[in-house]
Amino acid sequence: MAKLTPVALQEKAFGSITNSYTAIGSAIDSSLRIIYFANNTDATLYVSYDGTNDHHKIAPSSGRAVDCVTNRTGDENVYASEAGTTFYVKYVSEPTSGEIVVEGYA
């Protein structure tokens, strides 16, 4: 049986989020099976897996989970992100408080 291993939390404060994609922390060494994005700012944010395309639009004071292990059958190796992925963020309207947080499990 596989065990989920948490990866180091990554976050970016509201004052460092711009209207162009910037990295949230550094590349994550592991392939993640579960990712959780928490938008603790007062603005809508976009999250990208490649720094170019919009992948998630997250409302203020809300979150988004990507879970590849719940309801899984068998031993498929399904991942929410590949090893080496850097997550990026940009704002729709400029935030004035809070941060965005990325949590994950390999």
PDB file of N, CA and C in Angstrom:
ATOM      1  N   MET A   1       0.839  -1.173   0.000  1.00  0.00           N
ATOM      2  CA  MET A   1       0.000   0.000   0.000  1.00  0.00           C
ATOM      3  C   MET A   1       0.890   1.245   0.000  1.00  0.00           C
ATOM      4  N   ALA A   2       0.582   2.185  -0.872  1.00  0.00           N
ATOM      5  CA  ALA A   2       1.349   3.431  -0.956  1.00  0.00           C
ATOM      6  C   ALA A   2       0.945   4.387   0.157  1.00  0.00           C
ATOM      7  N   LYS A   3       1.888   5.180   0.570  1.00  0.00           N
ATOM      8  CA  LYS A   3       1.649   6.162   1.619  1.00  0.00           C
ATOM      9  C   LYS A   3       1.768   7.561   1.017  1.00  0.00           C
ATOM     10  N   LEU A   4       0.836   8.448   1.332  1.00  0.00           N
ATOM     11  CA  LEU A   4       0.933   9.827   0.878  1.00  0.00           C
ATOM     12  C   LEU A   4       1.963  10.561   1.735  1.00  0.00           C
ATOM     13  N   THR A   5       2.819  11.316   1.071  1.00  0.00           N
ATOM     14  CA  THR A   5       3.854  12.068   1.756  1.00  0.00           C
ATOM     15  C   THR A   5       3.648  13.554   1.495  1.00  0.00           C
ATOM     16  N   PRO A   6       3.508  14.359   2.538  1.00  0.00           N
ATOM     17  CA  PRO A   6       3.318  15.792   2.312  1.00  0.00           C
ATOM     18  C   PRO A   6       4.592  16.439   1.776  1.00  0.00           C
ATOM     19  N   VAL A   7       4.414  17.436   0.920  1.00  0.00           N
ATOM     20  CA  VAL A   7       5.543  18.226   0.437  1.00  0.00           C
ATOM     21  C   VAL A   7       5.528  19.569   1.166  1.00  0.00           C
ATOM     22  N   ALA A   8       6.640  20.259   1.138  1.00  0.00           N
ATOM     23  CA  ALA A   8       6.745  21.549   1.818  1.00  0.00           C
ATOM     24  C   ALA A   8       5.727  22.542   1.249  1.00  0.00           C
ATOM     25  N   LEU A   9       5.063  23.234   2.138  1.00  0.00           N
ATOM     26  CA  LEU A   9       4.085  24.252   1.785  1.00  0.00           C
ATOM     27  C   LEU A   9       4.788  25.387   1.043  1.00  0.00           C
ATOM     28  N   GLN A  10       4.108  25.956   0.053  1.00  0.00           N
ATOM     29  CA  GLN A  10       4.638  27.098  -0.676  1.00  0.00           C
ATOM     30  C   GLN A  10       3.601  28.202  -0.628  1.00  0.00           C
ATOM     31  N   GLU A  11       4.047  29.442  -0.503  1.00  0.00           N
ATOM     32  CA  GLU A  11       3.100  30.549  -0.469  1.00  0.00           C
ATOM     33  C   GLU A  11       3.705  31.801  -1.069  1.00  0.00           C
ATOM     34  N   LYS A  12       2.815  32.706  -1.466  1.00  0.00           N
ATOM     35  CA  LYS A  12       3.236  33.981  -2.048  1.00  0.00           C
ATOM     36  C   LYS A  12       2.303  35.058  -1.495  1.00  0.00           C
ATOM     37  N   ALA A  13       2.881  36.098  -0.908  1.00  0.00           N
ATOM     38  CA  ALA A  13       2.113  37.190  -0.310  1.00  0.00           C
ATOM     39  C   ALA A  13       1.461  38.060  -1.377  1.00  0.00           C
ATOM     40  N   PHE A  14       0.351  38.698  -1.008  1.00  0.00           N
ATOM     41  CA  PHE A  14      -0.432  39.508  -1.949  1.00  0.00           C
ATOM     42  C   PHE A  14       0.396  40.572  -2.661  1.00  0.00           C
ATOM     43  N   GLY A  15       1.351  41.185  -1.981  1.00  0.00           N
ATOM     44  CA  GLY A  15       2.148  42.249  -2.579  1.00  0.00           C
ATOM     45  C   GLY A  15       3.113  41.779  -3.654  1.00  0.00           C
ATOM     46  N   SER A  16       3.343  40.473  -3.724  1.00  0.00           N
ATOM     47  CA  SER A  16       4.247  39.893  -4.732  1.00  0.00           C
ATOM     48  C   SER A  16       3.490  39.290  -5.903  1.00  0.00           C
ATOM     49  N   ILE A  17       2.151  39.362  -5.881  1.00  0.00           N
ATOM     50  CA  ILE A  17       1.330  38.838  -6.976  1.00  0.00           C
ATOM     51  C   ILE A  17       1.063  39.986  -7.937  1.00  0.00           C
ATOM     52  N   THR A  18       1.315  39.755  -9.223  1.00  0.00           N
ATOM     53  CA  THR A  18       1.147  40.796 -10.243  1.00  0.00           C
ATOM     54  C   THR A  18       0.106  40.367 -11.274  1.00  0.00           C
ATOM     55  N   ASN A  19      -0.062  41.175 -12.310  1.00  0.00           N
ATOM     56  CA  ASN A  19      -0.994  40.815 -13.379  1.00  0.00           C
ATOM     57  C   ASN A  19      -0.328  39.970 -14.461  1.00  0.00           C
ATOM     58  N   SER A  20       0.924  39.537 -14.213  1.00  0.00           N
ATOM     59  CA  SER A  20       1.631  38.575 -15.063  1.00  0.00           C
ATOM     60  C   SER A  20       2.016  37.392 -14.190  1.00  0.00           C
ATOM     61  N   TYR A  21       2.119  36.212 -14.785  1.00  0.00           N
ATOM     62  CA  TYR A  21       2.438  35.031 -13.994  1.00  0.00           C
ATOM     63  C   TYR A  21       3.811  35.134 -13.343  1.00  0.00           C
ATOM     64  N   THR A  22       3.866  34.851 -12.036  1.00  0.00           N
ATOM     65  CA  THR A  22       5.105  34.731 -11.275  1.00  0.00           C
ATOM     66  C   THR A  22       5.024  33.446 -10.461  1.00  0.00           C
ATOM     67  N   ALA A  23       6.173  32.865 -10.179  1.00  0.00           N
ATOM     68  CA  ALA A  23       6.234  31.573  -9.488  1.00  0.00           C
ATOM     69  C   ALA A  23       5.758  31.690  -8.040  1.00  0.00           C
ATOM     70  N   ILE A  24       5.060  30.633  -7.599  1.00  0.00           N
ATOM     71  CA  ILE A  24       4.707  30.482  -6.191  1.00  0.00           C
ATOM     72  C   ILE A  24       5.764  29.539  -5.627  1.00  0.00           C
ATOM     73  N   GLY A  25       6.792  30.067  -5.030  1.00  0.00           N
ATOM     74  CA  GLY A  25       7.866  29.221  -4.513  1.00  0.00           C
ATOM     75  C   GLY A  25       8.715  28.645  -5.630  1.00  0.00           C
ATOM     76  N   SER A  26       9.282  27.471  -5.360  1.00  0.00           N
ATOM     77  CA  SER A  26      10.181  26.824  -6.315  1.00  0.00           C
ATOM     78  C   SER A  26       9.552  25.540  -6.861  1.00  0.00           C
ATOM     79  N   ALA A  27      10.242  24.913  -7.795  1.00  0.00           N
ATOM     80  CA  ALA A  27       9.759  23.658  -8.379  1.00  0.00           C
ATOM     81  C   ALA A  27       9.612  22.605  -7.283  1.00  0.00           C
ATOM     82  N   ILE A  28       8.573  21.800  -7.386  1.00  0.00           N
ATOM     83  CA  ILE A  28       8.332  20.729  -6.422  1.00  0.00           C
ATOM     84  C   ILE A  28       8.977  19.459  -6.959  1.00  0.00           C
ATOM     85  N   ASP A  29       9.824  18.843  -6.151  1.00  0.00           N
ATOM     86  CA  ASP A  29      10.624  17.693  -6.576  1.00  0.00           C
ATOM     87  C   ASP A  29       9.807  16.443  -6.868  1.00  0.00           C
ATOM     88  N   SER A  30       8.638  16.321  -6.274  1.00  0.00           N
ATOM     89  CA  SER A  30       7.838  15.094  -6.381  1.00  0.00           C
ATOM     90  C   SER A  30       6.667  15.264  -7.336  1.00  0.00           C
ATOM     91  N   SER A  31       6.186  14.149  -7.872  1.00  0.00           N
ATOM     92  CA  SER A  31       4.906  14.141  -8.580  1.00  0.00           C
ATOM     93  C   SER A  31       3.823  14.138  -7.512  1.00  0.00           C
ATOM     94  N   LEU A  32       2.875  15.040  -7.626  1.00  0.00           N
ATOM     95  CA  LEU A  32       1.849  15.168  -6.594  1.00  0.00           C
ATOM     96  C   LEU A  32       0.582  14.409  -6.963  1.00  0.00           C
ATOM     97  N   ARG A  33       0.015  13.742  -5.980  1.00  0.00           N
ATOM     98  CA  ARG A  33      -1.260  13.042  -6.150  1.00  0.00           C
ATOM     99  C   ARG A  33      -2.426  13.907  -5.690  1.00  0.00           C
ATOM    100  N   ILE A  34      -2.151  14.804  -4.744  1.00  0.00           N
ATOM    101  CA  ILE A  34      -3.155  15.745  -4.260  1.00  0.00           C
ATOM    102  C   ILE A  34      -2.504  17.119  -4.189  1.00  0.00           C
ATOM    103  N   ILE A  35      -3.204  18.126  -4.719  1.00  0.00           N
ATOM    104  CA  ILE A  35      -2.756  19.517  -4.640  1.00  0.00           C
ATOM    105  C   ILE A  35      -3.919  20.325  -4.093  1.00  0.00           C
ATOM    106  N   TYR A  36      -3.622  21.260  -3.204  1.00  0.00           N
ATOM    107  CA  TYR A  36      -4.650  22.175  -2.725  1.00  0.00           C
ATOM    108  C   TYR A  36      -4.128  23.594  -2.838  1.00  0.00           C
ATOM    109  N   PHE A  37      -4.903  24.440  -3.509  1.00  0.00           N
ATOM    110  CA  PHE A  37      -4.591  25.855  -3.643  1.00  0.00           C
ATOM    111  C   PHE A  37      -5.551  26.615  -2.737  1.00  0.00           C
ATOM    112  N   ALA A  38      -5.028  27.437  -1.836  1.00  0.00           N
ATOM    113  CA  ALA A  38      -5.855  28.267  -0.967  1.00  0.00           C
ATOM    114  C   ALA A  38      -5.606  29.721  -1.325  1.00  0.00           C
ATOM    115  N   ASN A  39      -6.638  30.380  -1.823  1.00  0.00           N
ATOM    116  CA  ASN A  39      -6.551  31.805  -2.136  1.00  0.00           C
ATOM    117  C   ASN A  39      -7.040  32.574  -0.912  1.00  0.00           C
ATOM    118  N   ASN A  40      -6.108  32.988  -0.087  1.00  0.00           N
ATOM    119  CA  ASN A  40      -6.443  33.729   1.127  1.00  0.00           C
ATOM    120  C   ASN A  40      -6.376  35.235   0.906  1.00  0.00           C
ATOM    121  N   THR A  41      -6.425  35.657  -0.370  1.00  0.00           N
ATOM    122  CA  THR A  41      -6.422  37.082  -0.679  1.00  0.00           C
ATOM    123  C   THR A  41      -7.865  37.571  -0.820  1.00  0.00           C
ATOM    124  N   ASP A  42      -7.994  38.872  -1.092  1.00  0.00           N
ATOM    125  CA  ASP A  42      -9.300  39.477  -1.308  1.00  0.00           C
ATOM    126  C   ASP A  42      -9.573  39.712  -2.798  1.00  0.00           C
ATOM    127  N   ALA A  43      -8.889  38.951  -3.661  1.00  0.00           N
ATOM    128  CA  ALA A  43      -9.028  39.116  -5.113  1.00  0.00           C
ATOM    129  C   ALA A  43      -9.097  37.753  -5.803  1.00  0.00           C
ATOM    130  N   THR A  44      -9.675  37.735  -6.989  1.00  0.00           N
ATOM    131  CA  THR A  44      -9.696  36.520  -7.800  1.00  0.00           C
ATOM    132  C   THR A  44      -8.317  36.323  -8.418  1.00  0.00           C
ATOM    133  N   LEU A  45      -7.828  35.071  -8.361  1.00  0.00           N
ATOM    134  CA  LEU A  45      -6.501  34.748  -8.883  1.00  0.00           C
ATOM    135  C   LEU A  45      -6.592  33.647  -9.927  1.00  0.00           C
ATOM    136  N   TYR A  46      -5.658  33.668 -10.879  1.00  0.00           N
ATOM    137  CA  TYR A  46      -5.471  32.568 -11.815  1.00  0.00           C
ATOM    138  C   TYR A  46      -4.224  31.801 -11.397  1.00  0.00           C
ATOM    139  N   VAL A  47      -4.275  30.475 -11.514  1.00  0.00           N
ATOM    140  CA  VAL A  47      -3.127  29.615 -11.256  1.00  0.00           C
ATOM    141  C   VAL A  47      -2.786  28.883 -12.547  1.00  0.00           C
ATOM    142  N   SER A  48      -1.488  28.733 -12.789  1.00  0.00           N
ATOM    143  CA  SER A  48      -1.000  28.056 -13.989  1.00  0.00           C
ATOM    144  C   SER A  48       0.044  27.019 -13.611  1.00  0.00           C
ATOM    145  N   TYR A  49       0.061  25.919 -14.364  1.00  0.00           N
ATOM    146  CA  TYR A  49       1.075  24.880 -14.191  1.00  0.00           C
ATOM    147  C   TYR A  49       2.284  25.134 -15.087  1.00  0.00           C
ATOM    148  N   ASP A  50       2.152  26.035 -16.070  1.00  0.00           N
ATOM    149  CA  ASP A  50       3.250  26.266 -17.018  1.00  0.00           C
ATOM    150  C   ASP A  50       3.671  27.726 -17.130  1.00  0.00           C
ATOM    151  N   GLY A  51       3.013  28.628 -16.409  1.00  0.00           N
ATOM    152  CA  GLY A  51       3.369  30.042 -16.440  1.00  0.00           C
ATOM    153  C   GLY A  51       2.862  30.784 -17.652  1.00  0.00           C
ATOM    154  N   THR A  52       2.060  30.124 -18.477  1.00  0.00           N
ATOM    155  CA  THR A  52       1.525  30.739 -19.690  1.00  0.00           C
ATOM    156  C   THR A  52       0.007  30.644 -19.748  1.00  0.00           C
ATOM    157  N   ASN A  53      -0.508  29.445 -19.525  1.00  0.00           N
ATOM    158  CA  ASN A  53      -1.949  29.192 -19.654  1.00  0.00           C
ATOM    159  C   ASN A  53      -2.647  29.268 -18.306  1.00  0.00           C
ATOM    160  N   ASP A  54      -3.900  29.765 -18.325  1.00  0.00           N
ATOM    161  CA  ASP A  54      -4.732  29.793 -17.127  1.00  0.00           C
ATOM    162  C   ASP A  54      -5.293  28.388 -16.910  1.00  0.00           C
ATOM    163  N   HIS A  55      -5.029  27.797 -15.734  1.00  0.00           N
ATOM    164  CA  HIS A  55      -5.540  26.458 -15.440  1.00  0.00           C
ATOM    165  C   HIS A  55      -6.616  26.453 -14.362  1.00  0.00           C
ATOM    166  N   HIS A  56      -6.529  27.356 -13.394  1.00  0.00           N
ATOM    167  CA  HIS A  56      -7.541  27.458 -12.343  1.00  0.00           C
ATOM    168  C   HIS A  56      -7.840  28.928 -12.095  1.00  0.00           C
ATOM    169  N   LYS A  57      -9.119  29.263 -11.966  1.00  0.00           N
ATOM    170  CA  LYS A  57      -9.552  30.597 -11.547  1.00  0.00           C
ATOM    171  C   LYS A  57     -10.133  30.413 -10.156  1.00  0.00           C
ATOM    172  N   ILE A  58      -9.514  31.059  -9.167  1.00  0.00           N
ATOM    173  CA  ILE A  58      -9.896  30.822  -7.778  1.00  0.00           C
ATOM    174  C   ILE A  58     -10.407  32.117  -7.163  1.00  0.00           C
ATOM    175  N   ALA A  59     -11.638  32.075  -6.693  1.00  0.00           N
ATOM    176  CA  ALA A  59     -12.284  33.236  -6.092  1.00  0.00           C
ATOM    177  C   ALA A  59     -11.597  33.631  -4.789  1.00  0.00           C
ATOM    178  N   PRO A  60     -11.781  34.873  -4.360  1.00  0.00           N
ATOM    179  CA  PRO A  60     -11.196  35.311  -3.091  1.00  0.00           C
ATOM    180  C   PRO A  60     -11.661  34.439  -1.927  1.00  0.00           C
ATOM    181  N   SER A  61     -10.783  34.249  -0.963  1.00  0.00           N
ATOM    182  CA  SER A  61     -11.099  33.501   0.267  1.00  0.00           C
ATOM    183  C   SER A  61     -11.695  32.125  -0.025  1.00  0.00           C
ATOM    184  N   SER A  62     -11.139  31.432  -1.010  1.00  0.00           N
ATOM    185  CA  SER A  62     -11.612  30.083  -1.336  1.00  0.00           C
ATOM    186  C   SER A  62     -10.430  29.227  -1.764  1.00  0.00           C
ATOM    187  N   GLY A  63     -10.708  28.003  -2.134  1.00  0.00           N
ATOM    188  CA  GLY A  63      -9.640  27.096  -2.512  1.00  0.00           C
ATOM    189  C   GLY A  63     -10.049  26.183  -3.643  1.00  0.00           C
ATOM    190  N   ARG A  64      -9.084  25.382  -4.092  1.00  0.00           N
ATOM    191  CA  ARG A  64      -9.312  24.427  -5.159  1.00  0.00           C
ATOM    192  C   ARG A  64      -8.472  23.208  -4.883  1.00  0.00           C
ATOM    193  N   ALA A  65      -9.085  22.031  -4.900  1.00  0.00           N
ATOM    194  CA  ALA A  65      -8.359  20.781  -4.685  1.00  0.00           C
ATOM    195  C   ALA A  65      -8.304  19.991  -5.983  1.00  0.00           C
ATOM    196  N   VAL A  66      -7.162  19.370  -6.236  1.00  0.00           N
ATOM    197  CA  VAL A  66      -6.979  18.433  -7.344  1.00  0.00           C
ATOM    198  C   VAL A  66      -6.551  17.134  -6.675  1.00  0.00           C
ATOM    199  N   ASP A  67      -7.422  16.134  -6.732  1.00  0.00           N
ATOM    200  CA  ASP A  67      -7.224  14.894  -5.982  1.00  0.00           C
ATOM    201  C   ASP A  67      -7.262  13.716  -6.937  1.00  0.00           C
ATOM    202  N   CYS A  68      -6.139  13.034  -7.088  1.00  0.00           N
ATOM    203  CA  CYS A  68      -6.053  11.889  -8.005  1.00  0.00           C
ATOM    204  C   CYS A  68      -6.035  10.557  -7.272  1.00  0.00           C
ATOM    205  N   VAL A  69      -6.333  10.544  -5.980  1.00  0.00           N
ATOM    206  CA  VAL A  69      -6.303   9.283  -5.249  1.00  0.00           C
ATOM    207  C   VAL A  69      -7.661   8.847  -4.717  1.00  0.00           C
ATOM    208  N   THR A  70      -8.558   9.774  -4.447  1.00  0.00           N
ATOM    209  CA  THR A  70      -9.880   9.397  -3.968  1.00  0.00           C
ATOM    210  C   THR A  70     -10.622   8.629  -5.055  1.00  0.00           C
ATOM    211  N   ASN A  71     -11.276   7.569  -4.662  1.00  0.00           N
ATOM    212  CA  ASN A  71     -12.065   6.725  -5.580  1.00  0.00           C
ATOM    213  C   ASN A  71     -11.220   6.028  -6.645  1.00  0.00           C
ATOM    214  N   ARG A  72      -9.926   5.956  -6.433  1.00  0.00           N
ATOM    215  CA  ARG A  72      -9.041   5.271  -7.372  1.00  0.00           C
ATOM    216  C   ARG A  72      -9.220   3.769  -7.203  1.00  0.00           C
ATOM    217  N   THR A  73      -9.217   3.058  -8.286  1.00  0.00           N
ATOM    218  CA  THR A  73      -9.279   1.594  -8.227  1.00  0.00           C
ATOM    219  C   THR A  73      -7.994   1.036  -8.792  1.00  0.00           C
ATOM    220  N   GLY A  74      -7.495   0.000  -8.201  1.00  0.00           N
ATOM    221  CA  GLY A  74      -6.265  -0.614  -8.705  1.00  0.00           C
ATOM    222  C   GLY A  74      -5.038   0.179  -8.326  1.00  0.00           C
ATOM    223  N   ASP A  75      -3.970  -0.073  -9.044  1.00  0.00           N
ATOM    224  CA  ASP A  75      -2.681   0.538  -8.732  1.00  0.00           C
ATOM    225  C   ASP A  75      -2.230   1.536  -9.788  1.00  0.00           C
ATOM    226  N   GLU A  76      -3.182   2.220 -10.433  1.00  0.00           N
ATOM    227  CA  GLU A  76      -2.782   3.178 -11.460  1.00  0.00           C
ATOM    228  C   GLU A  76      -1.883   4.241 -10.850  1.00  0.00           C
ATOM    229  N   ASN A  77      -0.880   4.648 -11.580  1.00  0.00           N
ATOM    230  CA  ASN A  77      -0.020   5.749 -11.152  1.00  0.00           C
ATOM    231  C   ASN A  77      -0.518   7.022 -11.811  1.00  0.00           C
ATOM    232  N   VAL A  78      -1.480   7.653 -11.185  1.00  0.00           N
ATOM    233  CA  VAL A  78      -2.077   8.878 -11.686  1.00  0.00           C
ATOM    234  C   VAL A  78      -1.591  10.025 -10.814  1.00  0.00           C
ATOM    235  N   TYR A  79      -1.159  11.104 -11.442  1.00  0.00           N
ATOM    236  CA  TYR A  79      -0.623  12.239 -10.703  1.00  0.00           C
ATOM    237  C   TYR A  79      -1.315  13.521 -11.124  1.00  0.00           C
ATOM    238  N   ALA A  80      -1.458  14.428 -10.159  1.00  0.00           N
ATOM    239  CA  ALA A  80      -2.050  15.735 -10.426  1.00  0.00           C
ATOM    240  C   ALA A  80      -1.033  16.684 -11.043  1.00  0.00           C
ATOM    241  N   SER A  81       0.252  16.441 -10.784  1.00  0.00           N
ATOM    242  CA  SER A  81       1.324  17.229 -11.399  1.00  0.00           C
ATOM    243  C   SER A  81       2.588  16.388 -11.445  1.00  0.00           C
ATOM    244  N   GLU A  82       3.443  16.715 -12.396  1.00  0.00           N
ATOM    245  CA  GLU A  82       4.702  15.989 -12.562  1.00  0.00           C
ATOM    246  C   GLU A  82       5.775  16.535 -11.627  1.00  0.00           C
ATOM    247  N   ALA A  83       6.767  15.719 -11.328  1.00  0.00           N
ATOM    248  CA  ALA A  83       7.929  16.183 -10.571  1.00  0.00           C
ATOM    249  C   ALA A  83       8.569  17.336 -11.334  1.00  0.00           C
ATOM    250  N   GLY A  84       9.007  18.349 -10.615  1.00  0.00           N
ATOM    251  CA  GLY A  84       9.632  19.501 -11.240  1.00  0.00           C
ATOM    252  C   GLY A  84       8.666  20.610 -11.607  1.00  0.00           C
ATOM    253  N   THR A  85       7.381  20.431 -11.301  1.00  0.00           N
ATOM    254  CA  THR A  85       6.394  21.460 -11.625  1.00  0.00           C
ATOM    255  C   THR A  85       6.561  22.666 -10.708  1.00  0.00           C
ATOM    256  N   THR A  86       6.523  23.834 -11.315  1.00  0.00           N
ATOM    257  CA  THR A  86       6.439  25.093 -10.584  1.00  0.00           C
ATOM    258  C   THR A  86       5.042  25.635 -10.832  1.00  0.00           C
ATOM    259  N   PHE A  87       4.375  26.089  -9.791  1.00  0.00           N
ATOM    260  CA  PHE A  87       3.051  26.690  -9.935  1.00  0.00           C
ATOM    261  C   PHE A  87       3.212  28.199 -10.015  1.00  0.00           C
ATOM    262  N   TYR A  88       2.349  28.824 -10.811  1.00  0.00           N
ATOM    263  CA  TYR A  88       2.417  30.258 -11.048  1.00  0.00           C
ATOM    264  C   TYR A  88       1.078  30.898 -10.718  1.00  0.00           C
ATOM    265  N   VAL A  89       1.108  32.188 -10.403  1.00  0.00           N
ATOM    266  CA  VAL A  89      -0.108  32.911 -10.052  1.00  0.00           C
ATOM    267  C   VAL A  89      -0.081  34.307 -10.673  1.00  0.00           C
ATOM    268  N   LYS A  90      -1.273  34.809 -11.003  1.00  0.00           N
ATOM    269  CA  LYS A  90      -1.446  36.208 -11.388  1.00  0.00           C
ATOM    270  C   LYS A  90      -2.834  36.633 -10.916  1.00  0.00           C
ATOM    271  N   TYR A  91      -3.025  37.939 -10.803  1.00  0.00           N
ATOM    272  CA  TYR A  91      -4.328  38.402 -10.347  1.00  0.00           C
ATOM    273  C   TYR A  91      -5.225  38.847 -11.488  1.00  0.00           C
ATOM    274  N   VAL A  92      -6.537  38.798 -11.220  1.00  0.00           N
ATOM    275  CA  VAL A  92      -7.548  39.377 -12.104  1.00  0.00           C
ATOM    276  C   VAL A  92      -7.709  40.845 -11.714  1.00  0.00           C
ATOM    277  N   SER A  93      -7.880  41.085 -10.412  1.00  0.00           N
ATOM    278  CA  SER A  93      -7.845  42.430  -9.849  1.00  0.00           C
ATOM    279  C   SER A  93      -6.850  42.386  -8.691  1.00  0.00           C
ATOM    280  N   GLU A  94      -6.156  43.476  -8.461  1.00  0.00           N
ATOM    281  CA  GLU A  94      -5.039  43.481  -7.510  1.00  0.00           C
ATOM    282  C   GLU A  94      -5.478  43.214  -6.071  1.00  0.00           C
ATOM    283  N   PRO A  95      -4.874  42.204  -5.425  1.00  0.00           N
ATOM    284  CA  PRO A  95      -5.204  41.927  -4.025  1.00  0.00           C
ATOM    285  C   PRO A  95      -4.569  42.968  -3.095  1.00  0.00           C
ATOM    286  N   THR A  96      -5.208  43.178  -1.935  1.00  0.00           N
ATOM    287  CA  THR A  96      -4.679  44.131  -0.960  1.00  0.00           C
ATOM    288  C   THR A  96      -4.368  43.459   0.381  1.00  0.00           C
ATOM    289  N   SER A  97      -4.593  42.157   0.464  1.00  0.00           N
ATOM    290  CA  SER A  97      -4.273  41.432   1.691  1.00  0.00           C
ATOM    291  C   SER A  97      -4.173  39.938   1.400  1.00  0.00           C
ATOM    292  N   GLY A  98      -3.537  39.219   2.327  1.00  0.00           N
ATOM    293  CA  GLY A  98      -3.509  37.763   2.255  1.00  0.00           C
ATOM    294  C   GLY A  98      -2.368  37.189   1.451  1.00  0.00           C
ATOM    295  N   GLU A  99      -2.543  35.931   1.051  1.00  0.00           N
ATOM    296  CA  GLU A  99      -1.542  35.183   0.298  1.00  0.00           C
ATOM    297  C   GLU A  99      -2.216  34.030  -0.422  1.00  0.00           C
ATOM    298  N   ILE A 100      -1.482  33.448  -1.354  1.00  0.00           N
ATOM    299  CA  ILE A 100      -1.919  32.191  -1.963  1.00  0.00           C
ATOM    300  C   ILE A 100      -0.999  31.107  -1.422  1.00  0.00           C
ATOM    301  N   VAL A 101      -1.584  29.954  -1.115  1.00  0.00           N
ATOM    302  CA  VAL A 101      -0.844  28.848  -0.520  1.00  0.00           C
ATOM    303  C   VAL A 101      -1.032  27.609  -1.401  1.00  0.00           C
ATOM    304  N   VAL A 102       0.044  26.859  -1.609  1.00  0.00           N
ATOM    305  CA  VAL A 102      -0.015  25.587  -2.306  1.00  0.00           C
ATOM    306  C   VAL A 102       0.442  24.497  -1.342  1.00  0.00           C
ATOM    307  N   GLU A 103      -0.409  23.482  -1.163  1.00  0.00           N
ATOM    308  CA  GLU A 103      -0.085  22.329  -0.343  1.00  0.00           C
ATOM    309  C   GLU A 103      -0.222  21.097  -1.224  1.00  0.00           C
ATOM    310  N   GLY A 104       0.538  20.056  -0.912  1.00  0.00           N
ATOM    311  CA  GLY A 104       0.430  18.864  -1.743  1.00  0.00           C
ATOM    312  C   GLY A 104       0.907  17.603  -1.055  1.00  0.00           C
ATOM    313  N   TYR A 105       0.523  16.471  -1.670  1.00  0.00           N
ATOM    314  CA  TYR A 105       0.934  15.162  -1.206  1.00  0.00           C
ATOM    315  C   TYR A 105       1.422  14.338  -2.370  1.00  0.00           C
ATOM    316  N   ALA A 106       2.603  13.755  -2.214  1.00  0.00           N
ATOM    317  CA  ALA A 106       3.187  12.896  -3.240  1.00  0.00           C
ATOM    318  C   ALA A 106       2.785  11.465  -2.983  1.00  0.00           C
TER     319      ALA A 106
END
